């Protein structure tokens, strides 16, 4: 195995629960899995971390998967539908830095984060977070305090409106750095 392949993630999707049926192996982003599998109800993350989505083009409900086996993800994660797309989360070594804003388009109160925040209300006196700028690292944003509820994956970039990202009325109340992606 080359050093470059060791740094890549690898996930195997299966059409049926308990790793049954046809399979599709992936080590990069896949916007639409329908050309490879008619459905996907279980998966095995062999290396790295991935976000899986219940709609094509990285839309809909998102779930973070690290190395492990997910024999029936629907019952484990409460997804109403099956996995339709996935995004590999690249390994990040270095610092983490993000600015969160109370309102869309970087408006209202701003706070800068360099580590996990389990409750933006308690820690930053913010009632909501509706936009952000991720300068360093990869982050998960959660709709409830203490890293619970629906989540959104944020990679470096500017996010002017969470409402325009297909998450509807999701409120962001906590955020966590994605660390140690590759074991």
N, C-alpha and C. Protein backbone atom coordinates (compact mmCIF):
# COMPACT_ATOMS: atom_id res chain seq x y z
N UNK A 1 0.85 -1.18 0.00
CA UNK A 1 0.00 0.00 0.00
C UNK A 1 0.90 1.24 0.00
N UNK A 2 0.66 2.16 -0.89
CA UNK A 2 1.47 3.37 -0.95
C UNK A 2 1.08 4.34 0.14
N UNK A 3 1.96 5.30 0.42
CA UNK A 3 1.64 6.27 1.47
C UNK A 3 0.47 7.14 1.08
N UNK A 4 0.30 7.43 -0.23
CA UNK A 4 -0.84 8.25 -0.65
C UNK A 4 -2.15 7.51 -0.49
N UNK A 5 -2.16 6.19 -0.74
CA UNK A 5 -3.41 5.45 -0.56
C UNK A 5 -3.75 5.26 0.91
N UNK A 6 -2.73 5.28 1.77
CA UNK A 6 -3.00 5.16 3.20
C UNK A 6 -3.66 6.43 3.74
N UNK A 7 -3.44 7.57 3.09
CA UNK A 7 -4.04 8.82 3.54
C UNK A 7 -5.45 9.02 3.00
N UNK A 8 -5.89 8.14 2.15
CA UNK A 8 -7.23 8.28 1.58
C UNK A 8 -8.23 7.47 2.40
N UNK A 9 -9.46 7.91 2.38
CA UNK A 9 -10.50 7.15 3.02
C UNK A 9 -11.01 6.08 2.08
N UNK A 10 -11.71 5.12 2.64
CA UNK A 10 -12.35 4.10 1.82
C UNK A 10 -13.61 3.63 2.54
N UNK A 11 -14.71 3.65 1.78
CA UNK A 11 -15.99 3.21 2.30
C UNK A 11 -16.61 2.25 1.28
N UNK A 12 -17.28 1.22 1.78
CA UNK A 12 -17.96 0.27 0.91
C UNK A 12 -19.45 0.31 1.25
N UNK A 13 -20.27 0.57 0.25
CA UNK A 13 -21.72 0.64 0.41
C UNK A 13 -22.34 -0.66 -0.09
N UNK A 14 -23.42 -1.09 0.57
CA UNK A 14 -24.13 -2.32 0.20
C UNK A 14 -25.60 -2.00 0.00
N UNK A 15 -26.20 -2.68 -0.97
CA UNK A 15 -27.61 -2.42 -1.27
C UNK A 15 -28.53 -2.80 -0.11
N UNK A 16 -28.21 -3.84 0.59
CA UNK A 16 -29.09 -4.34 1.65
C UNK A 16 -28.45 -4.21 3.02
N UNK A 17 -29.26 -4.41 4.04
CA UNK A 17 -28.76 -4.39 5.41
C UNK A 17 -27.77 -5.54 5.62
N UNK A 18 -26.96 -5.41 6.66
CA UNK A 18 -26.01 -6.45 7.05
C UNK A 18 -25.01 -6.81 5.95
N UNK A 19 -24.61 -5.80 5.16
CA UNK A 19 -23.56 -5.93 4.15
C UNK A 19 -23.90 -6.97 3.09
N UNK A 20 -25.16 -7.00 2.71
CA UNK A 20 -25.64 -7.95 1.71
C UNK A 20 -25.94 -7.23 0.40
N UNK A 21 -26.05 -8.00 -0.66
CA UNK A 21 -26.39 -7.45 -1.97
C UNK A 21 -25.17 -6.86 -2.67
N UNK A 22 -25.43 -6.20 -3.78
CA UNK A 22 -24.34 -5.59 -4.55
C UNK A 22 -23.63 -4.55 -3.70
N UNK A 23 -22.36 -4.31 -4.01
CA UNK A 23 -21.58 -3.34 -3.25
C UNK A 23 -20.91 -2.34 -4.19
N UNK A 24 -20.53 -1.21 -3.62
CA UNK A 24 -19.81 -0.17 -4.35
C UNK A 24 -18.76 0.41 -3.41
N UNK A 25 -17.50 0.38 -3.83
CA UNK A 25 -16.40 0.90 -3.03
C UNK A 25 -16.07 2.31 -3.51
N UNK A 26 -15.82 3.19 -2.53
CA UNK A 26 -15.60 4.59 -2.86
C UNK A 26 -14.46 5.15 -2.00
N UNK A 27 -13.59 5.97 -2.60
CA UNK A 27 -12.53 6.62 -1.83
C UNK A 27 -12.46 8.11 -2.15
N UNK A 28 -13.58 8.65 -2.62
CA UNK A 28 -13.67 10.09 -2.90
C UNK A 28 -15.13 10.51 -2.82
N UNK A 29 -15.42 11.74 -3.17
CA UNK A 29 -16.81 12.22 -3.17
C UNK A 29 -17.61 11.51 -4.25
N UNK A 30 -18.88 11.27 -3.97
CA UNK A 30 -19.80 10.68 -4.95
C UNK A 30 -21.13 11.42 -4.82
N UNK A 31 -21.47 12.24 -5.81
CA UNK A 31 -22.67 13.08 -5.75
C UNK A 31 -23.96 12.31 -5.99
N UNK A 32 -23.88 11.17 -6.70
CA UNK A 32 -25.08 10.41 -6.99
C UNK A 32 -24.70 8.94 -7.11
N UNK A 33 -25.10 8.15 -6.14
CA UNK A 33 -24.74 6.74 -6.11
C UNK A 33 -25.70 5.87 -6.92
N UNK A 34 -26.76 6.43 -7.50
CA UNK A 34 -27.77 5.63 -8.18
C UNK A 34 -27.23 4.90 -9.41
N UNK A 35 -26.16 5.39 -10.01
CA UNK A 35 -25.60 4.68 -11.16
C UNK A 35 -24.79 3.45 -10.73
N UNK A 36 -24.46 3.35 -9.44
CA UNK A 36 -23.70 2.21 -8.93
C UNK A 36 -24.58 1.23 -8.17
N UNK A 37 -25.55 1.74 -7.41
CA UNK A 37 -26.44 0.90 -6.61
C UNK A 37 -27.86 1.44 -6.70
N UNK A 38 -28.84 0.54 -6.72
CA UNK A 38 -30.23 0.99 -6.77
C UNK A 38 -30.70 1.51 -5.41
N UNK A 39 -30.05 1.06 -4.36
CA UNK A 39 -30.35 1.53 -3.00
C UNK A 39 -29.11 1.25 -2.15
N UNK A 40 -29.07 1.79 -0.96
CA UNK A 40 -27.95 1.53 -0.06
C UNK A 40 -28.47 1.54 1.36
N UNK A 41 -28.32 0.41 2.04
CA UNK A 41 -28.85 0.30 3.39
C UNK A 41 -27.81 -0.07 4.45
N UNK A 42 -26.58 -0.34 4.04
CA UNK A 42 -25.51 -0.57 5.01
C UNK A 42 -24.18 -0.16 4.39
N UNK A 43 -23.20 0.06 5.25
CA UNK A 43 -21.87 0.43 4.75
C UNK A 43 -20.80 0.09 5.77
N UNK A 44 -19.58 0.04 5.28
CA UNK A 44 -18.41 -0.27 6.10
C UNK A 44 -17.35 0.78 5.78
N UNK A 45 -16.95 1.56 6.78
CA UNK A 45 -15.88 2.53 6.59
C UNK A 45 -14.58 1.84 6.97
N UNK A 46 -13.74 1.60 5.96
CA UNK A 46 -12.49 0.89 6.19
C UNK A 46 -11.36 1.82 6.61
N UNK A 47 -11.34 3.04 6.07
CA UNK A 47 -10.34 4.04 6.43
C UNK A 47 -10.98 5.42 6.33
N UNK A 48 -10.58 6.28 7.27
CA UNK A 48 -10.98 7.68 7.19
C UNK A 48 -12.36 7.97 7.73
N UNK A 49 -12.87 9.13 7.33
CA UNK A 49 -14.19 9.61 7.74
C UNK A 49 -14.96 10.10 6.53
N UNK A 50 -16.28 9.94 6.58
CA UNK A 50 -17.14 10.36 5.49
C UNK A 50 -18.39 11.01 6.06
N UNK A 51 -18.98 11.90 5.26
CA UNK A 51 -20.34 12.36 5.50
C UNK A 51 -21.19 11.64 4.48
N UNK A 52 -22.32 11.08 4.91
CA UNK A 52 -23.27 10.48 3.98
C UNK A 52 -24.55 11.31 4.03
N UNK A 53 -25.25 11.33 2.89
CA UNK A 53 -26.42 12.18 2.72
C UNK A 53 -27.58 11.34 2.21
N UNK A 54 -28.80 11.68 2.61
CA UNK A 54 -29.95 10.90 2.15
C UNK A 54 -30.54 11.44 0.84
N UNK A 55 -29.88 12.44 0.24
CA UNK A 55 -30.27 12.95 -1.08
C UNK A 55 -29.03 13.09 -1.95
N UNK A 56 -29.22 13.13 -3.23
CA UNK A 56 -28.09 13.30 -4.15
C UNK A 56 -27.50 14.69 -4.00
N UNK A 57 -26.31 14.88 -4.56
CA UNK A 57 -25.62 16.17 -4.58
C UNK A 57 -25.35 16.73 -3.19
N UNK A 58 -25.10 15.85 -2.23
CA UNK A 58 -24.71 16.24 -0.88
C UNK A 58 -25.76 17.10 -0.19
N UNK A 59 -27.01 16.74 -0.39
CA UNK A 59 -28.14 17.47 0.19
C UNK A 59 -28.90 16.57 1.15
N UNK A 60 -29.79 17.20 1.90
CA UNK A 60 -30.64 16.46 2.83
C UNK A 60 -29.97 16.20 4.15
N UNK A 61 -30.47 15.23 4.88
CA UNK A 61 -29.91 14.87 6.17
C UNK A 61 -28.50 14.33 6.00
N UNK A 62 -27.62 14.74 6.90
CA UNK A 62 -26.22 14.36 6.84
C UNK A 62 -25.86 13.56 8.08
N UNK A 63 -24.96 12.59 7.89
CA UNK A 63 -24.48 11.81 9.02
C UNK A 63 -22.99 11.59 8.89
N UNK A 64 -22.30 11.73 9.99
CA UNK A 64 -20.85 11.58 10.05
C UNK A 64 -20.52 10.13 10.37
N UNK A 65 -19.66 9.52 9.55
CA UNK A 65 -19.26 8.14 9.77
C UNK A 65 -17.74 8.07 9.85
N UNK A 66 -17.25 7.46 10.92
CA UNK A 66 -15.82 7.19 11.02
C UNK A 66 -15.62 5.69 10.88
N UNK A 67 -14.39 5.25 10.93
CA UNK A 67 -14.06 3.85 10.72
C UNK A 67 -14.97 2.95 11.54
N UNK A 68 -15.59 1.99 10.88
CA UNK A 68 -16.48 1.06 11.55
C UNK A 68 -17.48 0.45 10.61
N UNK A 69 -18.37 -0.37 11.16
CA UNK A 69 -19.40 -1.05 10.39
C UNK A 69 -20.77 -0.52 10.77
N UNK A 70 -21.58 -0.29 9.75
CA UNK A 70 -22.93 0.24 9.92
C UNK A 70 -23.88 -0.71 9.19
N UNK A 71 -24.31 -1.76 9.90
CA UNK A 71 -25.06 -2.84 9.27
C UNK A 71 -26.50 -2.47 8.91
N UNK A 72 -27.06 -1.51 9.61
CA UNK A 72 -28.43 -1.06 9.31
C UNK A 72 -28.51 0.40 9.72
N UNK A 73 -27.96 1.26 8.88
CA UNK A 73 -27.84 2.66 9.26
C UNK A 73 -29.19 3.33 9.48
N UNK A 74 -30.27 2.84 8.81
CA UNK A 74 -31.57 3.50 8.96
C UNK A 74 -32.04 3.45 10.41
N UNK A 75 -31.91 2.30 11.06
CA UNK A 75 -32.37 2.22 12.44
C UNK A 75 -31.40 2.91 13.39
N UNK A 76 -30.11 2.91 13.05
CA UNK A 76 -29.12 3.54 13.92
C UNK A 76 -29.21 5.06 13.87
N UNK A 77 -29.48 5.61 12.70
CA UNK A 77 -29.44 7.06 12.53
C UNK A 77 -30.80 7.69 12.32
N UNK A 78 -31.83 6.89 12.16
CA UNK A 78 -33.15 7.44 11.98
C UNK A 78 -33.40 8.04 10.60
N UNK A 79 -32.65 7.60 9.62
CA UNK A 79 -32.84 8.12 8.27
C UNK A 79 -34.12 7.53 7.68
N UNK A 80 -34.89 8.35 7.00
CA UNK A 80 -36.12 7.89 6.37
C UNK A 80 -35.86 7.23 5.03
N UNK A 81 -34.75 7.54 4.42
CA UNK A 81 -34.43 7.05 3.11
C UNK A 81 -33.04 6.44 3.16
N UNK A 82 -32.55 5.97 2.05
CA UNK A 82 -31.22 5.38 2.05
C UNK A 82 -30.15 6.39 1.64
N UNK A 83 -28.90 6.01 1.76
CA UNK A 83 -27.78 6.88 1.39
C UNK A 83 -27.80 7.11 -0.11
N UNK A 84 -27.70 8.36 -0.53
CA UNK A 84 -27.73 8.72 -1.96
C UNK A 84 -26.45 9.38 -2.43
N UNK A 85 -25.65 9.96 -1.50
CA UNK A 85 -24.38 10.58 -1.88
C UNK A 85 -23.46 10.57 -0.67
N UNK A 86 -22.15 10.75 -0.92
CA UNK A 86 -21.19 10.77 0.17
C UNK A 86 -20.05 11.73 -0.15
N UNK A 87 -19.43 12.22 0.91
CA UNK A 87 -18.28 13.12 0.77
C UNK A 87 -17.19 12.64 1.70
N UNK A 88 -15.99 12.44 1.13
CA UNK A 88 -14.85 12.06 1.96
C UNK A 88 -14.34 13.30 2.69
N UNK A 89 -14.04 13.15 3.96
CA UNK A 89 -13.49 14.26 4.74
C UNK A 89 -11.98 14.10 4.74
N UNK A 90 -11.27 15.04 4.14
CA UNK A 90 -9.82 14.90 4.07
C UNK A 90 -9.16 15.02 5.43
N UNK A 91 -8.03 14.35 5.57
CA UNK A 91 -7.26 14.43 6.81
C UNK A 91 -6.76 15.86 6.98
N UNK A 92 -6.84 16.37 8.19
CA UNK A 92 -6.37 17.73 8.49
C UNK A 92 -5.38 17.67 9.64
N UNK A 93 -4.21 18.19 9.40
CA UNK A 93 -3.22 18.34 10.47
C UNK A 93 -2.95 19.82 10.60
N UNK A 94 -3.11 20.32 11.77
CA UNK A 94 -2.87 21.74 11.97
C UNK A 94 -3.93 22.34 12.87
N UNK A 95 -4.03 23.65 12.80
CA UNK A 95 -4.95 24.37 13.68
C UNK A 95 -6.38 24.34 13.12
N UNK A 96 -7.30 24.70 13.99
CA UNK A 96 -8.71 24.81 13.65
C UNK A 96 -9.14 26.23 13.97
N UNK A 97 -9.85 26.86 13.04
CA UNK A 97 -10.30 28.23 13.28
C UNK A 97 -11.56 28.50 12.47
N UNK A 98 -12.55 29.07 13.13
CA UNK A 98 -13.82 29.38 12.49
C UNK A 98 -14.43 30.60 13.17
N UNK A 99 -15.05 31.44 12.37
CA UNK A 99 -15.86 32.55 12.89
C UNK A 99 -17.32 32.22 12.67
N UNK A 100 -18.10 32.35 13.74
CA UNK A 100 -19.55 32.13 13.64
C UNK A 100 -20.26 33.46 13.82
N UNK A 101 -21.38 33.60 13.11
CA UNK A 101 -22.15 34.85 13.13
C UNK A 101 -23.59 34.55 13.49
N UNK A 102 -24.16 35.46 14.23
CA UNK A 102 -25.54 35.33 14.71
C UNK A 102 -26.55 35.37 13.57
N UNK A 103 -26.26 36.14 12.52
CA UNK A 103 -27.21 36.33 11.40
C UNK A 103 -26.58 35.92 10.08
N UNK A 104 -27.42 35.83 9.08
CA UNK A 104 -26.96 35.52 7.72
C UNK A 104 -26.03 36.62 7.22
N UNK A 105 -25.24 36.29 6.19
CA UNK A 105 -24.31 37.24 5.55
C UNK A 105 -23.34 37.87 6.54
N UNK A 106 -22.90 37.09 7.52
CA UNK A 106 -21.90 37.50 8.50
C UNK A 106 -22.35 38.71 9.31
N UNK A 107 -23.63 38.76 9.61
CA UNK A 107 -24.19 39.86 10.39
C UNK A 107 -24.36 39.51 11.85
N UNK A 108 -24.59 40.53 12.64
CA UNK A 108 -24.82 40.36 14.07
C UNK A 108 -23.55 40.06 14.83
N UNK A 109 -23.72 39.51 16.01
CA UNK A 109 -22.59 39.18 16.86
C UNK A 109 -21.69 38.14 16.18
N UNK A 110 -20.37 38.27 16.37
CA UNK A 110 -19.39 37.34 15.82
C UNK A 110 -18.55 36.78 16.95
N UNK A 111 -18.24 35.49 16.86
CA UNK A 111 -17.31 34.85 17.80
C UNK A 111 -16.35 33.99 17.01
N UNK A 112 -15.12 33.92 17.47
CA UNK A 112 -14.12 33.08 16.81
C UNK A 112 -13.86 31.85 17.66
N UNK A 113 -13.84 30.70 17.00
CA UNK A 113 -13.62 29.42 17.68
C UNK A 113 -12.34 28.78 17.19
N UNK A 114 -11.64 28.13 18.12
CA UNK A 114 -10.47 27.35 17.77
C UNK A 114 -10.57 25.95 18.37
N UNK A 115 -11.64 25.70 19.11
CA UNK A 115 -11.88 24.38 19.68
C UNK A 115 -13.38 24.12 19.71
N UNK A 116 -13.78 22.95 20.19
CA UNK A 116 -15.18 22.56 20.24
C UNK A 116 -15.98 23.53 21.11
N UNK A 117 -17.25 23.67 20.77
CA UNK A 117 -18.17 24.50 21.56
C UNK A 117 -19.45 23.69 21.76
N UNK A 118 -19.72 23.28 23.00
CA UNK A 118 -20.89 22.43 23.24
C UNK A 118 -22.19 23.21 23.41
N UNK A 119 -22.10 24.55 23.54
CA UNK A 119 -23.32 25.34 23.66
C UNK A 119 -22.98 26.82 23.38
N UNK A 120 -23.39 27.32 22.21
CA UNK A 120 -23.04 28.71 21.86
C UNK A 120 -23.77 29.72 22.74
N UNK A 121 -24.91 29.35 23.28
CA UNK A 121 -25.64 30.26 24.16
C UNK A 121 -24.86 30.47 25.46
N UNK A 122 -24.41 29.40 26.08
CA UNK A 122 -23.66 29.49 27.34
C UNK A 122 -22.28 30.11 27.14
N UNK A 123 -21.60 29.70 26.11
CA UNK A 123 -20.21 30.11 25.92
C UNK A 123 -20.04 31.48 25.26
N UNK A 124 -20.91 31.80 24.30
CA UNK A 124 -20.74 33.04 23.53
C UNK A 124 -21.94 33.98 23.63
N UNK A 125 -22.94 33.61 24.40
CA UNK A 125 -24.15 34.42 24.56
C UNK A 125 -24.83 34.71 23.21
N UNK A 126 -24.78 33.72 22.33
CA UNK A 126 -25.44 33.83 21.03
C UNK A 126 -26.68 32.95 21.04
N UNK A 127 -27.80 33.47 20.56
CA UNK A 127 -29.03 32.70 20.53
C UNK A 127 -29.14 31.83 19.28
N UNK A 128 -28.31 32.11 18.29
CA UNK A 128 -28.34 31.35 17.05
C UNK A 128 -27.06 31.59 16.28
N UNK A 129 -26.78 30.74 15.33
CA UNK A 129 -25.66 30.89 14.41
C UNK A 129 -26.22 30.62 13.03
N UNK A 130 -26.17 31.63 12.14
CA UNK A 130 -26.78 31.49 10.82
C UNK A 130 -25.80 31.61 9.66
N UNK A 131 -24.53 31.93 9.95
CA UNK A 131 -23.51 31.97 8.91
C UNK A 131 -22.15 31.78 9.58
N UNK A 132 -21.15 31.41 8.77
CA UNK A 132 -19.81 31.22 9.33
C UNK A 132 -18.74 31.31 8.25
N UNK A 133 -17.53 31.49 8.71
CA UNK A 133 -16.34 31.44 7.86
C UNK A 133 -15.40 30.42 8.49
N UNK A 134 -15.10 29.37 7.75
CA UNK A 134 -14.17 28.36 8.24
C UNK A 134 -12.81 28.66 7.62
N UNK A 135 -11.87 29.05 8.45
CA UNK A 135 -10.53 29.36 7.98
C UNK A 135 -9.63 28.13 7.98
N UNK A 136 -9.70 27.32 9.02
CA UNK A 136 -8.83 26.14 9.14
C UNK A 136 -9.61 24.96 9.69
N UNK A 137 -9.36 23.79 9.14
CA UNK A 137 -9.93 22.57 9.66
C UNK A 137 -11.30 22.25 9.10
N UNK A 138 -11.84 21.14 9.55
CA UNK A 138 -13.15 20.65 9.15
C UNK A 138 -13.99 20.53 10.41
N UNK A 139 -15.26 20.94 10.34
CA UNK A 139 -16.12 21.06 11.51
C UNK A 139 -17.47 20.39 11.27
N UNK A 140 -18.10 19.97 12.35
CA UNK A 140 -19.50 19.54 12.33
C UNK A 140 -20.30 20.54 13.16
N UNK A 141 -21.41 21.01 12.59
CA UNK A 141 -22.32 21.92 13.29
C UNK A 141 -23.57 21.12 13.65
N UNK A 142 -24.05 21.29 14.88
CA UNK A 142 -25.21 20.54 15.38
C UNK A 142 -26.36 21.47 15.72
N UNK A 143 -27.58 20.97 15.55
CA UNK A 143 -28.76 21.80 15.80
C UNK A 143 -29.11 21.93 17.28
N UNK A 144 -28.52 21.10 18.14
CA UNK A 144 -28.80 21.16 19.57
C UNK A 144 -27.50 21.28 20.34
N UNK A 145 -27.57 21.80 21.56
CA UNK A 145 -26.37 21.84 22.40
C UNK A 145 -25.83 20.43 22.65
N UNK A 146 -24.57 20.34 23.03
CA UNK A 146 -23.91 19.10 23.41
C UNK A 146 -23.82 18.10 22.25
N UNK A 147 -23.68 18.64 21.01
CA UNK A 147 -23.41 17.85 19.82
C UNK A 147 -24.52 16.83 19.54
N UNK A 148 -25.75 17.29 19.59
CA UNK A 148 -26.91 16.42 19.34
C UNK A 148 -27.75 16.97 18.20
N UNK A 149 -28.59 16.10 17.66
CA UNK A 149 -29.51 16.50 16.61
C UNK A 149 -28.87 16.44 15.22
N UNK A 150 -29.57 17.02 14.27
CA UNK A 150 -29.06 17.04 12.89
C UNK A 150 -27.73 17.76 12.83
N UNK A 151 -26.93 17.41 11.84
CA UNK A 151 -25.61 18.00 11.72
C UNK A 151 -25.34 18.47 10.30
N UNK A 152 -24.38 19.38 10.18
CA UNK A 152 -23.89 19.88 8.90
C UNK A 152 -22.37 19.83 8.90
N UNK A 153 -21.80 19.37 7.79
CA UNK A 153 -20.36 19.33 7.62
C UNK A 153 -19.89 20.65 7.01
N UNK A 154 -18.87 21.26 7.61
CA UNK A 154 -18.32 22.53 7.12
C UNK A 154 -16.83 22.35 6.86
N UNK A 155 -16.42 22.59 5.63
CA UNK A 155 -15.00 22.57 5.30
C UNK A 155 -14.56 24.01 5.07
N UNK A 156 -13.28 24.28 4.91
CA UNK A 156 -12.85 25.67 4.76
C UNK A 156 -13.61 26.40 3.64
N UNK A 157 -14.09 27.59 3.98
CA UNK A 157 -14.86 28.40 3.03
C UNK A 157 -15.80 29.33 3.76
N UNK A 158 -16.58 30.07 2.98
CA UNK A 158 -17.57 31.01 3.53
C UNK A 158 -18.96 30.45 3.34
N UNK A 159 -19.77 30.53 4.38
CA UNK A 159 -21.14 30.04 4.37
C UNK A 159 -22.04 31.20 4.80
N UNK A 160 -22.60 31.89 3.83
CA UNK A 160 -23.37 33.12 4.09
C UNK A 160 -24.76 32.85 4.66
N UNK A 161 -25.31 31.66 4.38
CA UNK A 161 -26.66 31.37 4.87
C UNK A 161 -26.85 29.86 4.99
N UNK A 162 -27.05 29.39 6.21
CA UNK A 162 -27.31 27.97 6.41
C UNK A 162 -28.67 27.57 5.83
N UNK A 163 -29.60 28.53 5.79
CA UNK A 163 -30.94 28.24 5.25
C UNK A 163 -30.86 27.88 3.77
N UNK A 164 -29.88 28.42 3.04
CA UNK A 164 -29.74 28.15 1.62
C UNK A 164 -28.95 26.88 1.33
N UNK A 165 -28.58 26.17 2.36
CA UNK A 165 -27.78 24.95 2.19
C UNK A 165 -28.63 23.69 2.26
N UNK A 166 -29.92 23.82 2.15
CA UNK A 166 -30.80 22.67 2.16
C UNK A 166 -31.11 22.12 3.54
N UNK A 167 -30.83 22.89 4.58
CA UNK A 167 -31.10 22.42 5.94
C UNK A 167 -32.35 23.07 6.54
N UNK A 168 -33.09 23.82 5.74
CA UNK A 168 -34.34 24.41 6.21
C UNK A 168 -34.16 25.31 7.40
N UNK A 169 -34.93 25.07 8.42
CA UNK A 169 -34.92 25.95 9.59
C UNK A 169 -34.00 25.45 10.70
N UNK A 170 -32.99 24.68 10.36
CA UNK A 170 -32.07 24.15 11.36
C UNK A 170 -31.34 25.28 12.07
N UNK A 171 -31.38 25.25 13.40
CA UNK A 171 -30.62 26.20 14.23
C UNK A 171 -29.33 25.52 14.64
N UNK A 172 -28.23 26.23 14.59
CA UNK A 172 -26.94 25.68 15.00
C UNK A 172 -26.68 26.11 16.43
N UNK A 173 -26.48 25.14 17.32
CA UNK A 173 -26.29 25.43 18.74
C UNK A 173 -24.98 24.89 19.31
N UNK A 174 -24.27 24.01 18.57
CA UNK A 174 -22.97 23.52 19.02
C UNK A 174 -22.15 23.12 17.81
N UNK A 175 -20.83 23.08 17.97
CA UNK A 175 -19.96 22.71 16.88
C UNK A 175 -18.73 21.97 17.40
N UNK A 176 -18.23 21.05 16.57
CA UNK A 176 -17.11 20.18 16.97
C UNK A 176 -16.12 20.07 15.81
N UNK A 177 -14.85 20.07 16.15
CA UNK A 177 -13.80 19.85 15.16
C UNK A 177 -13.77 18.37 14.76
N UNK A 178 -13.51 18.09 13.50
CA UNK A 178 -13.32 16.71 13.06
C UNK A 178 -11.83 16.44 13.17
N UNK A 179 -11.46 15.58 14.09
CA UNK A 179 -10.05 15.32 14.37
C UNK A 179 -9.76 13.83 14.26
N UNK A 180 -8.49 13.52 14.07
CA UNK A 180 -8.03 12.13 14.02
C UNK A 180 -8.84 11.30 13.04
N UNK A 181 -8.97 11.82 11.84
CA UNK A 181 -9.79 11.16 10.81
C UNK A 181 -9.24 9.85 10.35
N UNK A 182 -7.92 9.68 10.38
CA UNK A 182 -7.32 8.48 9.80
C UNK A 182 -6.51 7.74 10.85
N UNK A 183 -6.98 6.53 11.18
CA UNK A 183 -6.31 5.72 12.21
C UNK A 183 -5.61 4.55 11.56
